[in-house]
Amino acid sequence: MGQELLQQLEMIEREKGIAKEVLLEALHSALMSACRKTYPTLEGVEVNIDMASGQIAVLHNGKPIRDTGFGRIAAQTAKQVIIQKIREAERENVFDTYTKRIGEIINGTVHRIENRTIIVDLGKTEAILPPREQFPKDIYKQGDTIRAILLEVKKTPRGPELILSRAHADLVRKLFELEVPEIHDGIVKVMGIAREAGSRTKIAVISSDDKVDCVGSCVGMRG
């Protein structure tokens, strides 16, 4: 499995950005653990991974142990380590990417609904819209498009947890920034927002240009 292993590690390094050395270190640690379980009565057992050829050797007091059964264990362990490291890297990438997007409007698709919590498919990952962050009048079903603000990103043992909100006042602020050119350009500024989600919203705005009516800009031509 020598050259094949190295080729796999190099491919993962290119595509996933996980250093080959990191994978080899994790593989060595996992193989040492497997050795201790396979040869519980032997002391001085060591695993050697040749960095040039990718060959794996089990040594007892410096001498190779000839065990075809351990070859199968090594292959399975390598597969498990690679899968685990890829998952860890993908989770870290999701966390880093979406942490930078907190406060932005996110578009997704309703994947499923569990006890009123809406699971939203964002493409590469999922987010949740808890009942407390939902707009009271919204009714969603699987496959519907949903638009919400990214409220929080948490690290959990199962990976990053993305929390969305449609009830937060900042959703109104972001929507006005998207829909009102004067706000987007900074001519009109939103000074404050008071919102009762599902009932009413009030915003306070001010214009930095005497020629621009801040209220008229937000209300629009058709009210």
C-alpha atoms as a PDB file:
ATOM      1  CA  MET A   1       0.000   0.000   0.000  1.00  0.00           C
ATOM      2  CA  GLY A   2       3.101   2.244  -0.010  1.00  0.00           C
ATOM      3  CA  GLN A   3       2.945   4.345  -3.175  1.00  0.00           C
ATOM      4  CA  GLU A   4      -0.841   4.141  -3.258  1.00  0.00           C
ATOM      5  CA  LEU A   5      -0.994   5.586   0.261  1.00  0.00           C
ATOM      6  CA  LEU A   6       1.350   8.455  -0.625  1.00  0.00           C
ATOM      7  CA  GLN A   7      -0.663   9.233  -3.773  1.00  0.00           C
ATOM      8  CA  GLN A   8      -3.865   9.392  -1.710  1.00  0.00           C
ATOM      9  CA  LEU A   9      -2.257  11.684   0.869  1.00  0.00           C
ATOM     10  CA  GLU A  10      -0.875  13.991  -1.824  1.00  0.00           C
ATOM     11  CA  MET A  11      -4.282  14.174  -3.520  1.00  0.00           C
ATOM     12  CA  ILE A  12      -5.964  15.049  -0.215  1.00  0.00           C
ATOM     13  CA  GLU A  13      -3.282  17.683   0.437  1.00  0.00           C
ATOM     14  CA  ARG A  14      -4.061  19.323  -2.934  1.00  0.00           C
ATOM     15  CA  GLU A  15      -7.848  19.072  -2.802  1.00  0.00           C
ATOM     16  CA  LYS A  16      -8.570  19.511   0.913  1.00  0.00           C
ATOM     17  CA  GLY A  17      -5.585  21.559   2.049  1.00  0.00           C
ATOM     18  CA  ILE A  18      -4.574  19.042   4.747  1.00  0.00           C
ATOM     19  CA  ALA A  19      -0.781  18.753   4.992  1.00  0.00           C
ATOM     20  CA  LYS A  20       0.567  15.278   4.223  1.00  0.00           C
ATOM     21  CA  GLU A  21       2.692  15.444   7.381  1.00  0.00           C
ATOM     22  CA  VAL A  22      -0.433  15.991   9.498  1.00  0.00           C
ATOM     23  CA  LEU A  23      -2.083  12.923   7.964  1.00  0.00           C
ATOM     24  CA  LEU A  24       1.035  10.792   8.446  1.00  0.00           C
ATOM     25  CA  GLU A  25       1.344  11.871  12.090  1.00  0.00           C
ATOM     26  CA  ALA A  26      -2.308  10.977  12.716  1.00  0.00           C
ATOM     27  CA  LEU A  27      -1.842   7.661  10.915  1.00  0.00           C
ATOM     28  CA  HIS A  28       1.259   6.830  12.973  1.00  0.00           C
ATOM     29  CA  SER A  29      -0.610   7.544  16.220  1.00  0.00           C
ATOM     30  CA  ALA A  30      -3.561   5.372  15.120  1.00  0.00           C
ATOM     31  CA  LEU A  31      -1.273   2.505  14.063  1.00  0.00           C
ATOM     32  CA  MET A  32       0.562   2.625  17.388  1.00  0.00           C
ATOM     33  CA  SER A  33      -2.785   2.269  19.134  1.00  0.00           C
ATOM     34  CA  ALA A  34      -3.649  -0.665  16.851  1.00  0.00           C
ATOM     35  CA  CYS A  35      -0.269  -2.262  17.651  1.00  0.00           C
ATOM     36  CA  ARG A  36      -0.886  -2.122  21.377  1.00  0.00           C
ATOM     37  CA  LYS A  37      -4.225  -3.897  20.867  1.00  0.00           C
ATOM     38  CA  THR A  38      -2.812  -6.466  18.419  1.00  0.00           C
ATOM     39  CA  TYR A  39       0.315  -7.282  20.448  1.00  0.00           C
ATOM     40  CA  PRO A  40      -0.696  -6.564  24.072  1.00  0.00           C
ATOM     41  CA  THR A  41       2.070  -8.749  25.537  1.00  0.00           C
ATOM     42  CA  LEU A  42       4.954  -7.284  23.542  1.00  0.00           C
ATOM     43  CA  GLU A  43       6.951  -4.324  24.801  1.00  0.00           C
ATOM     44  CA  GLY A  44       9.063  -2.079  22.614  1.00  0.00           C
ATOM     45  CA  VAL A  45       6.781  -2.330  19.585  1.00  0.00           C
ATOM     46  CA  GLU A  46       7.127   0.588  17.174  1.00  0.00           C
ATOM     47  CA  VAL A  47       5.574   1.589  13.855  1.00  0.00           C
ATOM     48  CA  ASN A  48       7.747   3.048  11.124  1.00  0.00           C
ATOM     49  CA  ILE A  49       6.286   4.866   8.104  1.00  0.00           C
ATOM     50  CA  ASP A  50       8.793   5.500   5.319  1.00  0.00           C
ATOM     51  CA  MET A  51       8.159   9.087   4.164  1.00  0.00           C
ATOM     52  CA  ALA A  52       9.686   8.364   0.742  1.00  0.00           C
ATOM     53  CA  SER A  53       8.005   5.070  -0.143  1.00  0.00           C
ATOM     54  CA  GLY A  54       4.946   5.082   2.121  1.00  0.00           C
ATOM     55  CA  GLN A  55       5.768   1.556   3.340  1.00  0.00           C
ATOM     56  CA  ILE A  56       4.610   0.728   6.861  1.00  0.00           C
ATOM     57  CA  ALA A  57       6.679  -1.582   9.073  1.00  0.00           C
ATOM     58  CA  VAL A  58       6.008  -2.882  12.571  1.00  0.00           C
ATOM     59  CA  LEU A  59       9.195  -3.282  14.622  1.00  0.00           C
ATOM     60  CA  HIS A  60       9.820  -5.142  17.859  1.00  0.00           C
ATOM     61  CA  ASN A  61      13.035  -4.009  19.506  1.00  0.00           C
ATOM     62  CA  GLY A  62      14.162  -2.711  16.124  1.00  0.00           C
ATOM     63  CA  LYS A  63      13.391  -5.933  14.195  1.00  0.00           C
ATOM     64  CA  PRO A  64      10.495  -6.220  11.704  1.00  0.00           C
ATOM     65  CA  ILE A  65       7.460  -8.294  12.678  1.00  0.00           C
ATOM     66  CA  ARG A  66       6.191 -10.349   9.758  1.00  0.00           C
ATOM     67  CA  ASP A  67       2.420 -10.366  10.137  1.00  0.00           C
ATOM     68  CA  THR A  68       0.184 -10.328   7.064  1.00  0.00           C
ATOM     69  CA  GLY A  69      -2.825  -9.786   9.297  1.00  0.00           C
ATOM     70  CA  PHE A  70      -1.456  -6.454  10.494  1.00  0.00           C
ATOM     71  CA  GLY A  71      -1.182  -5.321   6.880  1.00  0.00           C
ATOM     72  CA  ARG A  72      -4.963  -5.479   6.623  1.00  0.00           C
ATOM     73  CA  ILE A  73      -5.276  -3.621   9.921  1.00  0.00           C
ATOM     74  CA  ALA A  74      -2.896  -0.916   8.649  1.00  0.00           C
ATOM     75  CA  ALA A  75      -4.899  -0.461   5.442  1.00  0.00           C
ATOM     76  CA  GLN A  76      -8.183  -0.158   7.338  1.00  0.00           C
ATOM     77  CA  THR A  77      -6.649   2.217   9.900  1.00  0.00           C
ATOM     78  CA  ALA A  78      -5.256   4.438   7.134  1.00  0.00           C
ATOM     79  CA  LYS A  79      -8.706   4.640   5.539  1.00  0.00           C
ATOM     80  CA  GLN A  80     -10.343   5.582   8.855  1.00  0.00           C
ATOM     81  CA  VAL A  81      -7.703   8.232   9.658  1.00  0.00           C
ATOM     82  CA  ILE A  82      -8.031   9.817   6.214  1.00  0.00           C
ATOM     83  CA  ILE A  83     -11.836   9.958   6.448  1.00  0.00           C
ATOM     84  CA  GLN A  84     -11.653  11.447   9.962  1.00  0.00           C
ATOM     85  CA  LYS A  85      -9.125  14.123   8.968  1.00  0.00           C
ATOM     86  CA  ILE A  86     -11.147  15.087   5.892  1.00  0.00           C
ATOM     87  CA  ARG A  87     -14.246  15.497   8.047  1.00  0.00           C
ATOM     88  CA  GLU A  88     -12.335  17.596  10.572  1.00  0.00           C
ATOM     89  CA  ALA A  89     -10.936  19.817   7.812  1.00  0.00           C
ATOM     90  CA  GLU A  90     -14.351  20.269   6.205  1.00  0.00           C
ATOM     91  CA  ARG A  91     -15.913  21.164   9.561  1.00  0.00           C
ATOM     92  CA  GLU A  92     -13.164  23.676  10.281  1.00  0.00           C
ATOM     93  CA  ASN A  93     -13.621  25.190   6.823  1.00  0.00           C
ATOM     94  CA  VAL A  94     -17.382  25.550   7.361  1.00  0.00           C
ATOM     95  CA  PHE A  95     -16.787  27.151  10.775  1.00  0.00           C
ATOM     96  CA  ASP A  96     -14.240  29.650   9.418  1.00  0.00           C
ATOM     97  CA  THR A  97     -16.321  30.496   6.335  1.00  0.00           C
ATOM     98  CA  TYR A  98     -19.595  31.132   8.129  1.00  0.00           C
ATOM     99  CA  THR A  99     -18.089  32.832  11.195  1.00  0.00           C
ATOM    100  CA  LYS A 100     -17.075  35.610   8.803  1.00  0.00           C
ATOM    101  CA  ARG A 101     -20.676  35.832   7.558  1.00  0.00           C
ATOM    102  CA  ILE A 102     -22.408  36.366  10.913  1.00  0.00           C
ATOM    103  CA  GLY A 103     -24.922  39.188  10.483  1.00  0.00           C
ATOM    104  CA  GLU A 104     -25.396  38.538   6.756  1.00  0.00           C
ATOM    105  CA  ILE A 105     -28.594  37.432   5.034  1.00  0.00           C
ATOM    106  CA  ILE A 106     -28.406  33.751   4.094  1.00  0.00           C
ATOM    107  CA  ASN A 107     -30.556  32.016   1.473  1.00  0.00           C
ATOM    108  CA  GLY A 108     -31.301  28.304   1.766  1.00  0.00           C
ATOM    109  CA  THR A 109     -33.860  25.567   1.245  1.00  0.00           C
ATOM    110  CA  VAL A 110     -36.023  23.902   3.892  1.00  0.00           C
ATOM    111  CA  HIS A 111     -34.603  20.387   4.227  1.00  0.00           C
ATOM    112  CA  ARG A 112     -36.818  19.101   7.025  1.00  0.00           C
ATOM    113  CA  ILE A 113     -38.740  20.236  10.115  1.00  0.00           C
ATOM    114  CA  GLU A 114     -38.151  18.664  13.534  1.00  0.00           C
ATOM    115  CA  ASN A 115     -40.332  19.736  16.474  1.00  0.00           C
ATOM    116  CA  ARG A 116     -40.915  23.154  14.881  1.00  0.00           C
ATOM    117  CA  THR A 117     -37.165  23.629  14.323  1.00  0.00           C
ATOM    118  CA  ILE A 118     -36.478  24.152  10.620  1.00  0.00           C
ATOM    119  CA  ILE A 119     -33.354  22.515   9.184  1.00  0.00           C
ATOM    120  CA  VAL A 120     -32.123  24.644   6.282  1.00  0.00           C
ATOM    121  CA  ASP A 121     -29.926  23.292   3.494  1.00  0.00           C
ATOM    122  CA  LEU A 122     -27.244  25.847   2.537  1.00  0.00           C
ATOM    123  CA  GLY A 123     -25.541  23.627  -0.034  1.00  0.00           C
ATOM    124  CA  LYS A 124     -22.296  22.562   1.635  1.00  0.00           C
ATOM    125  CA  THR A 125     -23.763  22.502   5.131  1.00  0.00           C
ATOM    126  CA  GLU A 126     -26.984  22.898   7.108  1.00  0.00           C
ATOM    127  CA  ALA A 127     -28.293  25.547   9.482  1.00  0.00           C
ATOM    128  CA  ILE A 128     -31.146  25.590  11.966  1.00  0.00           C
ATOM    129  CA  LEU A 129     -33.938  28.095  12.429  1.00  0.00           C
ATOM    130  CA  PRO A 130     -35.206  27.593  16.006  1.00  0.00           C
ATOM    131  CA  PRO A 131     -38.862  28.332  16.869  1.00  0.00           C
ATOM    132  CA  ARG A 132     -37.845  31.387  18.922  1.00  0.00           C
ATOM    133  CA  GLU A 133     -36.174  32.930  15.844  1.00  0.00           C
ATOM    134  CA  GLN A 134     -39.030  32.297  13.438  1.00  0.00           C
ATOM    135  CA  PHE A 135     -41.448  34.836  12.044  1.00  0.00           C
ATOM    136  CA  PRO A 136     -44.814  33.874  13.661  1.00  0.00           C
ATOM    137  CA  LYS A 137     -46.790  34.063  10.413  1.00  0.00           C
ATOM    138  CA  ASP A 138     -44.339  32.012   8.345  1.00  0.00           C
ATOM    139  CA  ILE A 139     -45.439  28.554   7.245  1.00  0.00           C
ATOM    140  CA  TYR A 140     -42.792  26.451   5.541  1.00  0.00           C
ATOM    141  CA  LYS A 141     -42.700  23.014   3.985  1.00  0.00           C
ATOM    142  CA  GLN A 142     -39.869  20.878   2.628  1.00  0.00           C
ATOM    143  CA  GLY A 143     -38.293  22.393  -0.473  1.00  0.00           C
ATOM    144  CA  ASP A 144     -39.346  26.000   0.234  1.00  0.00           C
ATOM    145  CA  THR A 145     -36.764  28.756  -0.136  1.00  0.00           C
ATOM    146  CA  ILE A 146     -35.968  30.548   3.101  1.00  0.00           C
ATOM    147  CA  ARG A 147     -34.196  33.855   3.762  1.00  0.00           C
ATOM    148  CA  ALA A 148     -32.800  34.651   7.182  1.00  0.00           C
ATOM    149  CA  ILE A 149     -29.935  36.365   8.963  1.00  0.00           C
ATOM    150  CA  LEU A 150     -26.995  34.307  10.239  1.00  0.00           C
ATOM    151  CA  LEU A 151     -27.172  34.928  13.965  1.00  0.00           C
ATOM    152  CA  GLU A 152     -24.516  32.652  15.455  1.00  0.00           C
ATOM    153  CA  VAL A 153     -22.004  29.899  14.642  1.00  0.00           C
ATOM    154  CA  LYS A 154     -21.214  27.405  17.418  1.00  0.00           C
ATOM    155  CA  LYS A 155     -18.602  24.656  17.657  1.00  0.00           C
ATOM    156  CA  THR A 156     -20.103  21.335  18.738  1.00  0.00           C
ATOM    157  CA  PRO A 157     -18.793  17.732  18.877  1.00  0.00           C
ATOM    158  CA  ARG A 158     -20.848  17.009  15.740  1.00  0.00           C
ATOM    159  CA  GLY A 159     -19.402  19.993  13.880  1.00  0.00           C
ATOM    160  CA  PRO A 160     -20.356  23.664  13.451  1.00  0.00           C
ATOM    161  CA  GLU A 161     -23.933  24.616  14.307  1.00  0.00           C
ATOM    162  CA  LEU A 162     -25.291  27.578  12.344  1.00  0.00           C
ATOM    163  CA  ILE A 163     -28.196  29.475  13.921  1.00  0.00           C
ATOM    164  CA  LEU A 164     -30.482  31.537  11.691  1.00  0.00           C
ATOM    165  CA  SER A 165     -33.061  34.165  12.618  1.00  0.00           C
ATOM    166  CA  ARG A 166     -36.042  35.725  10.900  1.00  0.00           C
ATOM    167  CA  ALA A 167     -37.187  37.536  14.060  1.00  0.00           C
ATOM    168  CA  HIS A 168     -34.050  39.585  14.782  1.00  0.00           C
ATOM    169  CA  ALA A 169     -34.191  43.339  14.153  1.00  0.00           C
ATOM    170  CA  ASP A 170     -30.978  43.164  12.103  1.00  0.00           C
ATOM    171  CA  LEU A 171     -32.866  41.220   9.423  1.00  0.00           C
ATOM    172  CA  VAL A 172     -34.916  44.371   8.765  1.00  0.00           C
ATOM    173  CA  ARG A 173     -31.743  46.476   8.687  1.00  0.00           C
ATOM    174  CA  LYS A 174     -30.085  44.169   6.158  1.00  0.00           C
ATOM    175  CA  LEU A 175     -33.195  43.997   3.970  1.00  0.00           C
ATOM    176  CA  PHE A 176     -33.397  47.796   3.871  1.00  0.00           C
ATOM    177  CA  GLU A 177     -29.704  47.955   2.937  1.00  0.00           C
ATOM    178  CA  LEU A 178     -30.438  45.612   0.025  1.00  0.00           C
ATOM    179  CA  GLU A 179     -33.646  47.276  -1.138  1.00  0.00           C
ATOM    180  CA  VAL A 180     -33.028  51.005  -0.535  1.00  0.00           C
ATOM    181  CA  PRO A 181     -30.157  52.461  -2.618  1.00  0.00           C
ATOM    182  CA  GLU A 182     -29.813  55.515  -0.361  1.00  0.00           C
ATOM    183  CA  ILE A 183     -29.159  53.272   2.662  1.00  0.00           C
ATOM    184  CA  HIS A 184     -26.802  51.055   0.690  1.00  0.00           C
ATOM    185  CA  ASP A 185     -24.823  54.123  -0.426  1.00  0.00           C
ATOM    186  CA  GLY A 186     -24.686  55.579   3.094  1.00  0.00           C
ATOM    187  CA  ILE A 187     -26.710  58.709   2.312  1.00  0.00           C
ATOM    188  CA  VAL A 188     -29.511  57.551   4.615  1.00  0.00           C
ATOM    189  CA  LYS A 189     -28.534  55.871   7.881  1.00  0.00           C
ATOM    190  CA  VAL A 190     -30.646  53.598  10.071  1.00  0.00           C
ATOM    191  CA  MET A 191     -30.306  54.947  13.610  1.00  0.00           C
ATOM    192  CA  GLY A 192     -32.496  52.418  15.410  1.00  0.00           C
ATOM    193  CA  ILE A 193     -34.983  49.571  14.955  1.00  0.00           C
ATOM    194  CA  ALA A 194     -37.802  48.408  17.199  1.00  0.00           C
ATOM    195  CA  ARG A 195     -39.506  45.216  16.104  1.00  0.00           C
ATOM    196  CA  GLU A 196     -42.296  42.948  17.254  1.00  0.00           C
ATOM    197  CA  ALA A 197     -41.830  40.108  14.774  1.00  0.00           C
ATOM    198  CA  GLY A 198     -45.100  39.278  13.067  1.00  0.00           C
ATOM    199  CA  SER A 199     -46.795  42.440  14.329  1.00  0.00           C
ATOM    200  CA  ARG A 200     -44.976  45.682  13.584  1.00  0.00           C
ATOM    201  CA  THR A 201     -41.590  47.293  13.019  1.00  0.00           C
ATOM    202  CA  LYS A 202     -40.410  50.870  13.456  1.00  0.00           C
ATOM    203  CA  ILE A 203     -37.128  52.249  12.187  1.00  0.00           C
ATOM    204  CA  ALA A 204     -35.504  55.609  12.800  1.00  0.00           C
ATOM    205  CA  VAL A 205     -33.566  57.036   9.853  1.00  0.00           C
ATOM    206  CA  ILE A 206     -31.555  60.180   9.133  1.00  0.00           C
ATOM    207  CA  SER A 207     -30.260  61.681   5.905  1.00  0.00           C
ATOM    208  CA  SER A 208     -26.786  63.184   5.467  1.00  0.00           C
ATOM    209  CA  ASP A 209     -28.023  65.059   2.371  1.00  0.00           C
ATOM    210  CA  ASP A 210     -30.658  67.810   2.769  1.00  0.00           C
ATOM    211  CA  LYS A 211     -31.912  67.040  -0.744  1.00  0.00           C
ATOM    212  CA  VAL A 212     -32.726  63.420   0.121  1.00  0.00           C
ATOM    213  CA  ASP A 213     -35.913  62.676   2.047  1.00  0.00           C
ATOM    214  CA  CYS A 214     -34.889  59.810   4.332  1.00  0.00           C
ATOM    215  CA  VAL A 215     -38.477  58.699   5.080  1.00  0.00           C
ATOM    216  CA  GLY A 216     -39.522  58.936   1.438  1.00  0.00           C
ATOM    217  CA  SER A 217     -36.503  56.886   0.384  1.00  0.00           C
ATOM    218  CA  CYS A 218     -37.462  54.068   2.727  1.00  0.00           C
ATOM    219  CA  VAL A 219     -41.199  54.151   2.044  1.00  0.00           C
ATOM    220  CA  GLY A 220     -40.736  54.228  -1.737  1.00  0.00           C
ATOM    221  CA  MET A 221     -42.852  55.505  -4.610  1.00  0.00           C
ATOM    222  CA  ARG A 222     -45.845  53.265  -3.930  1.00  0.00           C
ATOM    223  CA  GLY A 223     -45.797  53.508  -0.150  1.00  0.00           C
END
